[in-house]
Amino acid sequence: MRSGNIGRCMSSWDESLSRRFTNKVVSWKVENSVAMGSTGTYTAAVSDADTARRMGSGDVPVLATPRVIAWMEAAAVAALRELPPELTSVGIHISVDHSIPTLVGAEVRTLAEVRAVEGKRIEFDVRAFDGDRVVAAGTHTRIIVDRTRFLARAGLPA
């Protein structure tokens, strides 16, 4: 499978994080399970608990940006459903423009599409829809990590 070029300069923090969490995943290639253009979706109805007012990210009763970002990450995880069980992915970067308010009761569909694969680093285009309207869009980056090692570093049992 052909890899894409992510096309942005990695900061030293990104490089350090990528090395820290991925240096032991040796025998498996991301390209084996992640194809360019692969997609994942996540759909949810906006509830009062999802509003900016309730989440503390604002004072209006519309879909909160932190919630739409979480739903976009869930769609990206769904796009990686073919990973072997000993591996998982962790989000390391997201950039989102949330440009249209969404009311309680609306059904929001989030979509993540793989746009680049570079080693164990995967970049997605992410979008959130209320019907046919794009209410938020951006990019999201995840890296593939060994599940057991990652949990051990966090001090958690595997």
Protein backbone atom coordinates (compact mmCIF):
# COMPACT_ATOMS: atom_id res chain seq x y z
CA MET A 1 0.00 0.00 0.00
CA ARG A 2 1.30 3.42 -0.90
CA SER A 3 2.04 5.83 1.95
CA GLY A 4 1.15 9.48 1.78
CA ASN A 5 3.21 12.44 2.82
CA ILE A 6 1.70 14.25 5.76
CA GLY A 7 3.12 17.49 4.42
CA ARG A 8 3.64 19.46 7.61
CA CYS A 9 6.75 20.03 9.62
CA MET A 10 6.85 17.99 12.82
CA SER A 11 7.81 19.94 15.90
CA SER A 12 10.44 18.49 18.22
CA TRP A 13 7.57 17.73 20.64
CA ASP A 14 5.77 15.71 17.92
CA GLU A 15 8.96 13.83 17.07
CA SER A 16 9.66 13.05 20.71
CA LEU A 17 6.09 11.87 21.33
CA SER A 18 6.08 9.75 18.19
CA ARG A 19 9.38 8.07 19.12
CA ARG A 20 8.32 7.56 22.73
CA PHE A 21 5.13 5.72 21.93
CA THR A 22 6.01 3.90 18.73
CA ASN A 23 9.64 2.82 18.82
CA LYS A 24 8.87 -0.79 19.84
CA VAL A 25 6.17 -1.53 17.25
CA VAL A 26 8.54 -3.17 14.81
CA SER A 27 7.04 -6.26 13.19
CA TRP A 28 3.81 -4.72 11.96
CA LYS A 29 3.37 -2.16 9.19
CA VAL A 30 0.57 0.38 9.38
CA GLU A 31 0.05 -0.07 5.65
CA ASN A 32 -1.04 -3.68 6.33
CA SER A 33 -4.31 -2.50 7.90
CA VAL A 34 -4.75 1.17 7.05
CA ALA A 35 -5.49 2.13 3.47
CA MET A 36 -5.49 5.65 2.12
CA GLY A 37 -9.10 6.78 1.89
CA SER A 38 -10.31 4.42 4.65
CA THR A 39 -13.19 5.97 6.55
CA GLY A 40 -14.87 5.71 9.91
CA THR A 41 -18.06 7.32 11.18
CA TYR A 42 -19.66 8.11 14.50
CA THR A 43 -23.23 9.34 14.85
CA ALA A 44 -24.95 10.79 17.92
CA ALA A 45 -27.95 12.90 18.82
CA VAL A 46 -27.05 16.14 20.57
CA SER A 47 -28.31 16.09 24.16
CA ASP A 48 -28.26 18.76 26.84
CA ALA A 49 -25.12 17.10 28.24
CA ASP A 50 -23.36 17.83 24.91
CA THR A 51 -23.92 21.59 25.02
CA ALA A 52 -21.32 24.28 25.61
CA ARG A 53 -23.28 25.44 28.65
CA ARG A 54 -23.19 21.99 30.30
CA MET A 55 -19.59 21.19 29.30
CA GLY A 56 -18.31 24.54 30.50
CA SER A 57 -16.85 25.59 27.14
CA GLY A 58 -19.34 28.43 26.70
CA ASP A 59 -22.70 29.66 27.93
CA VAL A 60 -25.01 28.75 25.05
CA PRO A 61 -27.21 25.65 24.69
CA VAL A 62 -25.69 24.37 21.41
CA LEU A 63 -23.27 21.54 20.59
CA ALA A 64 -19.96 22.15 22.37
CA THR A 65 -16.75 22.14 20.38
CA PRO A 66 -15.05 19.71 22.81
CA ARG A 67 -17.90 17.22 22.23
CA VAL A 68 -17.74 17.47 18.43
CA ILE A 69 -13.97 16.93 18.65
CA ALA A 70 -14.48 13.81 20.78
CA TRP A 71 -16.96 12.49 18.20
CA MET A 72 -14.45 13.19 15.40
CA GLU A 73 -11.82 11.21 17.30
CA ALA A 74 -14.32 8.34 17.70
CA ALA A 75 -14.80 8.34 13.91
CA ALA A 76 -11.01 8.18 13.41
CA VAL A 77 -10.78 5.23 15.82
CA ALA A 78 -13.54 3.53 13.82
CA ALA A 79 -11.47 4.00 10.65
CA LEU A 80 -8.69 1.99 12.32
CA ARG A 81 -10.91 -0.97 13.19
CA GLU A 82 -8.56 -3.44 11.43
CA LEU A 83 -5.64 -2.91 13.82
CA PRO A 84 -4.40 -6.10 15.50
CA PRO A 85 -5.63 -6.36 19.12
CA GLU A 86 -2.14 -5.81 20.58
CA LEU A 87 -2.04 -2.36 18.99
CA THR A 88 -4.13 0.75 19.48
CA SER A 89 -3.96 4.37 18.41
CA VAL A 90 -3.66 7.56 20.39
CA GLY A 91 -4.55 11.05 19.24
CA ILE A 92 -1.65 13.50 19.22
CA HIS A 93 -3.06 16.48 17.33
CA ILE A 94 -6.37 17.94 16.19
CA SER A 95 -7.21 21.19 14.44
CA VAL A 96 -10.91 21.93 13.93
CA ASP A 97 -13.02 24.86 12.76
CA HIS A 98 -16.47 24.58 14.37
CA SER A 99 -18.40 27.12 12.32
CA ILE A 100 -22.13 26.38 12.59
CA PRO A 101 -24.17 25.97 15.81
CA THR A 102 -26.08 22.72 16.23
CA LEU A 103 -29.20 22.49 18.40
CA VAL A 104 -30.12 19.91 21.03
CA GLY A 105 -31.98 17.05 19.35
CA ALA A 106 -30.08 17.24 16.06
CA GLU A 107 -28.35 14.11 14.81
CA VAL A 108 -24.67 14.75 14.09
CA ARG A 109 -22.66 12.40 11.88
CA THR A 110 -18.88 12.64 12.07
CA LEU A 111 -16.63 11.27 9.35
CA ALA A 112 -12.88 10.62 9.44
CA GLU A 113 -10.99 9.77 6.25
CA VAL A 114 -7.36 8.66 6.14
CA ARG A 115 -5.46 11.22 4.09
CA ALA A 116 -1.85 10.27 4.89
CA VAL A 117 0.09 7.35 6.37
CA GLU A 118 3.69 7.92 7.38
CA GLY A 119 5.14 5.03 9.35
CA LYS A 120 2.98 4.65 12.45
CA ARG A 121 1.55 8.16 12.07
CA ILE A 122 -1.89 8.52 10.45
CA GLU A 123 -3.50 11.80 9.45
CA PHE A 124 -7.24 12.18 8.89
CA ASP A 125 -9.55 14.73 7.36
CA VAL A 126 -12.45 15.03 9.82
CA ARG A 127 -15.90 16.54 9.32
CA ALA A 128 -19.13 16.78 11.30
CA PHE A 129 -22.53 17.05 9.61
CA ASP A 130 -25.97 18.15 10.75
CA GLY A 131 -28.00 16.76 7.86
CA ASP A 132 -26.23 18.01 4.73
CA ARG A 133 -24.55 20.96 6.50
CA VAL A 134 -20.87 20.68 7.46
CA VAL A 135 -20.81 22.15 10.97
CA ALA A 136 -17.15 21.45 11.74
CA ALA A 137 -14.10 20.35 9.75
CA GLY A 138 -10.39 19.90 10.25
CA THR A 139 -7.53 17.44 10.54
CA HIS A 140 -6.62 14.88 13.18
CA THR A 141 -3.41 12.90 13.72
CA ARG A 142 -3.07 9.59 15.54
CA ILE A 143 -0.11 7.29 16.09
CA ILE A 144 -0.12 3.51 16.43
CA VAL A 145 1.23 2.20 19.73
CA ASP A 146 1.74 -1.12 21.45
CA ARG A 147 -1.23 -1.32 23.83
CA THR A 148 0.58 -3.10 26.71
CA ARG A 149 3.61 -0.78 26.66
CA PHE A 150 1.42 2.32 26.44
CA LEU A 151 -0.67 1.25 29.44
CA ALA A 152 2.46 0.34 31.40
CA ARG A 153 3.89 3.81 30.80
CA ALA A 154 0.66 5.26 32.15
CA GLY A 155 0.96 3.04 35.24
CA LEU A 156 -2.09 0.98 34.32
CA PRO A 157 -2.43 -2.81 34.05
CA ALA A 158 -2.65 -4.23 30.54
